[in-house]
Amino acid sequence: MGRIIGLVSVVIGVLLILKGQTIPEDIHHRVKYFMPGLPKNPTTYCYIGGGLLIFCGLLGLIWPRRRF
């Protein structure tokens, strides 16, 4: 079960990074984030979140399992 969760985390992390690459191209992004008080760069949040998910997912895949 732990390996499945690790694999799903890696896939979601890659999808987040790909989503972060397409955010600046969207016209909705340009209009929505023009307002003051909103995060200026949500692309960075997608990159950081995707990187953390990939890292944690790889740890879940590589980490040895103990059998009792």
PDB file of N, CA and C in Angstrom:
ATOM      1  N   MET A   1       0.819  -1.190   0.000  1.00  0.00           N
ATOM      2  CA  MET A   1       0.000   0.000   0.000  1.00  0.00           C
ATOM      3  C   MET A   1       0.865   1.257   0.000  1.00  0.00           C
ATOM      4  N   GLY A   2       1.987   1.223   0.704  1.00  0.00           N
ATOM      5  CA  GLY A   2       2.867   2.385   0.781  1.00  0.00           C
ATOM      6  C   GLY A   2       3.484   2.728  -0.562  1.00  0.00           C
ATOM      7  N   ARG A   3       3.780   1.724  -1.362  1.00  0.00           N
ATOM      8  CA  ARG A   3       4.364   1.986  -2.675  1.00  0.00           C
ATOM      9  C   ARG A   3       3.340   2.614  -3.621  1.00  0.00           C
ATOM     10  N   ILE A   4       2.097   2.243  -3.478  1.00  0.00           N
ATOM     11  CA  ILE A   4       1.057   2.833  -4.318  1.00  0.00           C
ATOM     12  C   ILE A   4       0.903   4.317  -3.988  1.00  0.00           C
ATOM     13  N   ILE A   5       0.917   4.637  -2.706  1.00  0.00           N
ATOM     14  CA  ILE A   5       0.808   6.036  -2.288  1.00  0.00           C
ATOM     15  C   ILE A   5       2.009   6.831  -2.785  1.00  0.00           C
ATOM     16  N   GLY A   6       3.195   6.242  -2.733  1.00  0.00           N
ATOM     17  CA  GLY A   6       4.392   6.909  -3.241  1.00  0.00           C
ATOM     18  C   GLY A   6       4.306   7.161  -4.736  1.00  0.00           C
ATOM     19  N   LEU A   7       3.812   6.186  -5.475  1.00  0.00           N
ATOM     20  CA  LEU A   7       3.677   6.337  -6.915  1.00  0.00           C
ATOM     21  C   LEU A   7       2.640   7.401  -7.267  1.00  0.00           C
ATOM     22  N   VAL A   8       1.531   7.416  -6.544  1.00  0.00           N
ATOM     23  CA  VAL A   8       0.499   8.435  -6.771  1.00  0.00           C
ATOM     24  C   VAL A   8       1.049   9.826  -6.444  1.00  0.00           C
ATOM     25  N   SER A   9       1.853   9.941  -5.399  1.00  0.00           N
ATOM     26  CA  SER A   9       2.451  11.232  -5.041  1.00  0.00           C
ATOM     27  C   SER A   9       3.381  11.729  -6.137  1.00  0.00           C
ATOM     28  N   VAL A  10       4.152  10.848  -6.713  1.00  0.00           N
ATOM     29  CA  VAL A  10       5.059  11.241  -7.793  1.00  0.00           C
ATOM     30  C   VAL A  10       4.258  11.720  -9.007  1.00  0.00           C
ATOM     31  N   VAL A  11       3.202  10.995  -9.356  1.00  0.00           N
ATOM     32  CA  VAL A  11       2.391  11.376 -10.517  1.00  0.00           C
ATOM     33  C   VAL A  11       1.718  12.730 -10.284  1.00  0.00           C
ATOM     34  N   ILE A  12       1.150  12.944  -9.101  1.00  0.00           N
ATOM     35  CA  ILE A  12       0.503  14.222  -8.807  1.00  0.00           C
ATOM     36  C   ILE A  12       1.526  15.353  -8.786  1.00  0.00           C
ATOM     37  N   GLY A  13       2.728  15.090  -8.277  1.00  0.00           N
ATOM     38  CA  GLY A  13       3.782  16.100  -8.280  1.00  0.00           C
ATOM     39  C   GLY A  13       4.170  16.518  -9.683  1.00  0.00           C
ATOM     40  N   VAL A  14       4.290  15.550 -10.581  1.00  0.00           N
ATOM     41  CA  VAL A  14       4.622  15.873 -11.972  1.00  0.00           C
ATOM     42  C   VAL A  14       3.490  16.673 -12.610  1.00  0.00           C
ATOM     43  N   LEU A  15       2.242  16.308 -12.320  1.00  0.00           N
ATOM     44  CA  LEU A  15       1.113  17.055 -12.861  1.00  0.00           C
ATOM     45  C   LEU A  15       1.080  18.493 -12.336  1.00  0.00           C
ATOM     46  N   LEU A  16       1.442  18.681 -11.072  1.00  0.00           N
ATOM     47  CA  LEU A  16       1.493  20.037 -10.513  1.00  0.00           C
ATOM     48  C   LEU A  16       2.564  20.880 -11.201  1.00  0.00           C
ATOM     49  N   ILE A  17       3.709  20.283 -11.457  1.00  0.00           N
ATOM     50  CA  ILE A  17       4.774  21.020 -12.139  1.00  0.00           C
ATOM     51  C   ILE A  17       4.347  21.379 -13.561  1.00  0.00           C
ATOM     52  N   LEU A  18       3.685  20.457 -14.247  1.00  0.00           N
ATOM     53  CA  LEU A  18       3.194  20.765 -15.591  1.00  0.00           C
ATOM     54  C   LEU A  18       2.118  21.843 -15.556  1.00  0.00           C
ATOM     55  N   LYS A  19       1.261  21.825 -14.536  1.00  0.00           N
ATOM     56  CA  LYS A  19       0.242  22.859 -14.378  1.00  0.00           C
ATOM     57  C   LYS A  19       0.896  24.216 -14.116  1.00  0.00           C
ATOM     58  N   GLY A  20       1.974  24.215 -13.345  1.00  0.00           N
ATOM     59  CA  GLY A  20       2.686  25.455 -13.068  1.00  0.00           C
ATOM     60  C   GLY A  20       3.286  26.086 -14.309  1.00  0.00           C
ATOM     61  N   GLN A  21       3.607  25.265 -15.300  1.00  0.00           N
ATOM     62  CA  GLN A  21       4.169  25.805 -16.538  1.00  0.00           C
ATOM     63  C   GLN A  21       3.109  26.454 -17.410  1.00  0.00           C
ATOM     64  N   THR A  22       1.846  26.040 -17.276  1.00  0.00           N
ATOM     65  CA  THR A  22       0.796  26.581 -18.135  1.00  0.00           C
ATOM     66  C   THR A  22       0.048  27.748 -17.497  1.00  0.00           C
ATOM     67  N   ILE A  23       0.245  27.997 -16.206  1.00  0.00           N
ATOM     68  CA  ILE A  23      -0.494  29.079 -15.532  1.00  0.00           C
ATOM     69  C   ILE A  23      -0.213  30.456 -16.144  1.00  0.00           C
ATOM     70  N   PRO A  24       1.046  30.843 -16.403  1.00  0.00           N
ATOM     71  CA  PRO A  24       1.277  32.192 -16.926  1.00  0.00           C
ATOM     72  C   PRO A  24       0.667  32.426 -18.307  1.00  0.00           C
ATOM     73  N   GLU A  25       0.375  31.377 -19.060  1.00  0.00           N
ATOM     74  CA  GLU A  25      -0.182  31.538 -20.398  1.00  0.00           C
ATOM     75  C   GLU A  25      -1.684  31.811 -20.365  1.00  0.00           C
ATOM     76  N   ASP A  26      -2.328  31.532 -19.249  1.00  0.00           N
ATOM     77  CA  ASP A  26      -3.775  31.647 -19.147  1.00  0.00           C
ATOM     78  C   ASP A  26      -4.183  33.109 -18.955  1.00  0.00           C
ATOM     79  N   ILE A  27      -5.175  33.564 -19.724  1.00  0.00           N
ATOM     80  CA  ILE A  27      -5.642  34.950 -19.609  1.00  0.00           C
ATOM     81  C   ILE A  27      -6.332  35.167 -18.265  1.00  0.00           C
ATOM     82  N   HIS A  28      -6.979  34.128 -17.743  1.00  0.00           N
ATOM     83  CA  HIS A  28      -7.629  34.214 -16.441  1.00  0.00           C
ATOM     84  C   HIS A  28      -6.600  34.535 -15.357  1.00  0.00           C
ATOM     85  N   HIS A  29      -5.416  33.971 -15.473  1.00  0.00           N
ATOM     86  CA  HIS A  29      -4.345  34.238 -14.511  1.00  0.00           C
ATOM     87  C   HIS A  29      -3.964  35.714 -14.531  1.00  0.00           C
ATOM     88  N   ARG A  30      -3.851  36.272 -15.711  1.00  0.00           N
ATOM     89  CA  ARG A  30      -3.422  37.665 -15.824  1.00  0.00           C
ATOM     90  C   ARG A  30      -4.438  38.622 -15.217  1.00  0.00           C
ATOM     91  N   VAL A  31      -5.719  38.322 -15.390  1.00  0.00           N
ATOM     92  CA  VAL A  31      -6.764  39.193 -14.850  1.00  0.00           C
ATOM     93  C   VAL A  31      -6.911  38.997 -13.350  1.00  0.00           C
ATOM     94  N   LYS A  32      -6.944  37.743 -12.911  1.00  0.00           N
ATOM     95  CA  LYS A  32      -7.196  37.440 -11.497  1.00  0.00           C
ATOM     96  C   LYS A  32      -6.073  37.937 -10.599  1.00  0.00           C
ATOM     97  N   TYR A  33      -4.834  37.738 -10.987  1.00  0.00           N
ATOM     98  CA  TYR A  33      -3.711  38.082 -10.121  1.00  0.00           C
ATOM     99  C   TYR A  33      -3.238  39.525 -10.320  1.00  0.00           C
ATOM    100  N   PHE A  34      -3.978  40.289 -11.109  1.00  0.00           N
ATOM    101  CA  PHE A  34      -3.701  41.717 -11.219  1.00  0.00           C
ATOM    102  C   PHE A  34      -4.217  42.454  -9.985  1.00  0.00           C
ATOM    103  N   MET A  35      -5.232  41.874  -9.320  1.00  0.00           N
ATOM    104  CA  MET A  35      -5.817  42.488  -8.124  1.00  0.00           C
ATOM    105  C   MET A  35      -4.793  42.508  -6.987  1.00  0.00           C
ATOM    106  N   PRO A  36      -4.773  43.556  -6.193  1.00  0.00           N
ATOM    107  CA  PRO A  36      -3.828  43.607  -5.074  1.00  0.00           C
ATOM    108  C   PRO A  36      -4.242  42.660  -3.942  1.00  0.00           C
ATOM    109  N   GLY A  37      -3.271  42.164  -3.256  1.00  0.00           N
ATOM    110  CA  GLY A  37      -3.525  41.304  -2.106  1.00  0.00           C
ATOM    111  C   GLY A  37      -3.548  39.820  -2.420  1.00  0.00           C
ATOM    112  N   LEU A  38      -3.528  39.456  -3.673  1.00  0.00           N
ATOM    113  CA  LEU A  38      -3.505  38.050  -4.051  1.00  0.00           C
ATOM    114  C   LEU A  38      -2.063  37.625  -4.292  1.00  0.00           C
ATOM    115  N   PRO A  39      -1.769  36.338  -4.196  1.00  0.00           N
ATOM    116  CA  PRO A  39      -0.394  35.882  -4.446  1.00  0.00           C
ATOM    117  C   PRO A  39       0.065  36.284  -5.841  1.00  0.00           C
ATOM    118  N   LYS A  40       1.244  36.798  -5.922  1.00  0.00           N
ATOM    119  CA  LYS A  40       1.741  37.316  -7.193  1.00  0.00           C
ATOM    120  C   LYS A  40       2.224  36.224  -8.130  1.00  0.00           C
ATOM    121  N   ASN A  41       2.680  35.121  -7.579  1.00  0.00           N
ATOM    122  CA  ASN A  41       3.252  34.103  -8.429  1.00  0.00           C
ATOM    123  C   ASN A  41       2.800  32.705  -7.996  1.00  0.00           C
ATOM    124  N   PRO A  42       1.591  32.280  -8.368  1.00  0.00           N
ATOM    125  CA  PRO A  42       1.135  30.945  -7.998  1.00  0.00           C
ATOM    126  C   PRO A  42       1.916  29.843  -8.708  1.00  0.00           C
ATOM    127  N   THR A  43       2.636  30.207  -9.771  1.00  0.00           N
ATOM    128  CA  THR A  43       3.474  29.225 -10.452  1.00  0.00           C
ATOM    129  C   THR A  43       4.530  28.682  -9.503  1.00  0.00           C
ATOM    130  N   THR A  44       5.086  29.553  -8.678  1.00  0.00           N
ATOM    131  CA  THR A  44       6.093  29.132  -7.711  1.00  0.00           C
ATOM    132  C   THR A  44       5.514  28.136  -6.730  1.00  0.00           C
ATOM    133  N   TYR A  45       4.281  28.369  -6.295  1.00  0.00           N
ATOM    134  CA  TYR A  45       3.645  27.435  -5.367  1.00  0.00           C
ATOM    135  C   TYR A  45       3.434  26.070  -6.007  1.00  0.00           C
ATOM    136  N   CYS A  46       3.095  26.040  -7.285  1.00  0.00           N
ATOM    137  CA  CYS A  46       2.940  24.761  -7.986  1.00  0.00           C
ATOM    138  C   CYS A  46       4.279  24.034  -8.094  1.00  0.00           C
ATOM    139  N   TYR A  47       5.349  24.771  -8.380  1.00  0.00           N
ATOM    140  CA  TYR A  47       6.669  24.153  -8.475  1.00  0.00           C
ATOM    141  C   TYR A  47       7.123  23.594  -7.126  1.00  0.00           C
ATOM    142  N   ILE A  48       6.944  24.373  -6.071  1.00  0.00           N
ATOM    143  CA  ILE A  48       7.372  23.917  -4.740  1.00  0.00           C
ATOM    144  C   ILE A  48       6.539  22.727  -4.295  1.00  0.00           C
ATOM    145  N   GLY A  49       5.222  22.811  -4.446  1.00  0.00           N
ATOM    146  CA  GLY A  49       4.354  21.697  -4.057  1.00  0.00           C
ATOM    147  C   GLY A  49       4.628  20.442  -4.866  1.00  0.00           C
ATOM    148  N   GLY A  50       4.821  20.606  -6.164  1.00  0.00           N
ATOM    149  CA  GLY A  50       5.132  19.453  -7.015  1.00  0.00           C
ATOM    150  C   GLY A  50       6.467  18.824  -6.661  1.00  0.00           C
ATOM    151  N   GLY A  51       7.456  19.658  -6.388  1.00  0.00           N
ATOM    152  CA  GLY A  51       8.769  19.129  -5.998  1.00  0.00           C
ATOM    153  C   GLY A  51       8.718  18.372  -4.685  1.00  0.00           C
ATOM    154  N   LEU A  52       7.977  18.911  -3.716  1.00  0.00           N
ATOM    155  CA  LEU A  52       7.844  18.218  -2.434  1.00  0.00           C
ATOM    156  C   LEU A  52       7.100  16.893  -2.582  1.00  0.00           C
ATOM    157  N   LEU A  53       6.055  16.879  -3.386  1.00  0.00           N
ATOM    158  CA  LEU A  53       5.323  15.634  -3.603  1.00  0.00           C
ATOM    159  C   LEU A  53       6.193  14.591  -4.297  1.00  0.00           C
ATOM    160  N   ILE A  54       6.973  15.012  -5.272  1.00  0.00           N
ATOM    161  CA  ILE A  54       7.864  14.067  -5.952  1.00  0.00           C
ATOM    162  C   ILE A  54       8.906  13.529  -4.978  1.00  0.00           C
ATOM    163  N   PHE A  55       9.477  14.409  -4.169  1.00  0.00           N
ATOM    164  CA  PHE A  55      10.484  13.983  -3.197  1.00  0.00           C
ATOM    165  C   PHE A  55       9.895  12.979  -2.196  1.00  0.00           C
ATOM    166  N   CYS A  56       8.741  13.301  -1.632  1.00  0.00           N
ATOM    167  CA  CYS A  56       8.114  12.400  -0.660  1.00  0.00           C
ATOM    168  C   CYS A  56       7.681  11.087  -1.315  1.00  0.00           C
ATOM    169  N   GLY A  57       7.191  11.171  -2.538  1.00  0.00           N
ATOM    170  CA  GLY A  57       6.802   9.959  -3.250  1.00  0.00           C
ATOM    171  C   GLY A  57       7.994   9.054  -3.534  1.00  0.00           C
ATOM    172  N   LEU A  58       9.122   9.653  -3.920  1.00  0.00           N
ATOM    173  CA  LEU A  58      10.325   8.845  -4.165  1.00  0.00           C
ATOM    174  C   LEU A  58      10.846   8.223  -2.873  1.00  0.00           C
ATOM    175  N   LEU A  59      10.750   8.972  -1.773  1.00  0.00           N
ATOM    176  CA  LEU A  59      11.136   8.382  -0.490  1.00  0.00           C
ATOM    177  C   LEU A  59      10.251   7.191  -0.144  1.00  0.00           C
ATOM    178  N   GLY A  60       8.964   7.307  -0.421  1.00  0.00           N
ATOM    179  CA  GLY A  60       8.040   6.209  -0.163  1.00  0.00           C
ATOM    180  C   GLY A  60       8.319   5.003  -1.037  1.00  0.00           C
ATOM    181  N   LEU A  61       8.810   5.235  -2.250  1.00  0.00           N
ATOM    182  CA  LEU A  61       9.125   4.117  -3.139  1.00  0.00           C
ATOM    183  C   LEU A  61      10.450   3.450  -2.781  1.00  0.00           C
ATOM    184  N   ILE A  62      11.409   4.240  -2.332  1.00  0.00           N
ATOM    185  CA  ILE A  62      12.760   3.722  -2.076  1.00  0.00           C
ATOM    186  C   ILE A  62      12.914   3.166  -0.661  1.00  0.00           C
ATOM    187  N   TRP A  63      12.231   3.761   0.299  1.00  0.00           N
ATOM    188  CA  TRP A  63      12.413   3.397   1.707  1.00  0.00           C
ATOM    189  C   TRP A  63      12.141   1.907   1.923  1.00  0.00           C
ATOM    190  N   PRO A  64      13.050   1.207   2.616  1.00  0.00           N
ATOM    191  CA  PRO A  64      12.839  -0.233   2.833  1.00  0.00           C
ATOM    192  C   PRO A  64      11.681  -0.504   3.784  1.00  0.00           C
ATOM    193  N   ARG A  65      10.969  -1.571   3.511  1.00  0.00           N
ATOM    194  CA  ARG A  65       9.834  -1.972   4.336  1.00  0.00           C
ATOM    195  C   ARG A  65      10.294  -3.018   5.346  1.00  0.00           C
ATOM    196  N   ARG A  66       9.782  -2.880   6.578  1.00  0.00           N
ATOM    197  CA  ARG A  66      10.077  -3.901   7.606  1.00  0.00           C
ATOM    198  C   ARG A  66       8.951  -4.931   7.601  1.00  0.00           C
ATOM    199  N   ARG A  67       9.321  -6.176   7.623  1.00  0.00           N
ATOM    200  CA  ARG A  67       8.346  -7.254   7.703  1.00  0.00           C
ATOM    201  C   ARG A  67       8.423  -7.871   9.085  1.00  0.00           C
ATOM    202  N   PHE A  68       7.286  -8.047   9.704  1.00  0.00           N
ATOM    203  CA  PHE A  68       7.262  -8.613  11.064  1.00  0.00           C
ATOM    204  C   PHE A  68       7.002 -10.085  11.015  1.00  0.00           C
TER     205      PHE A  68
END
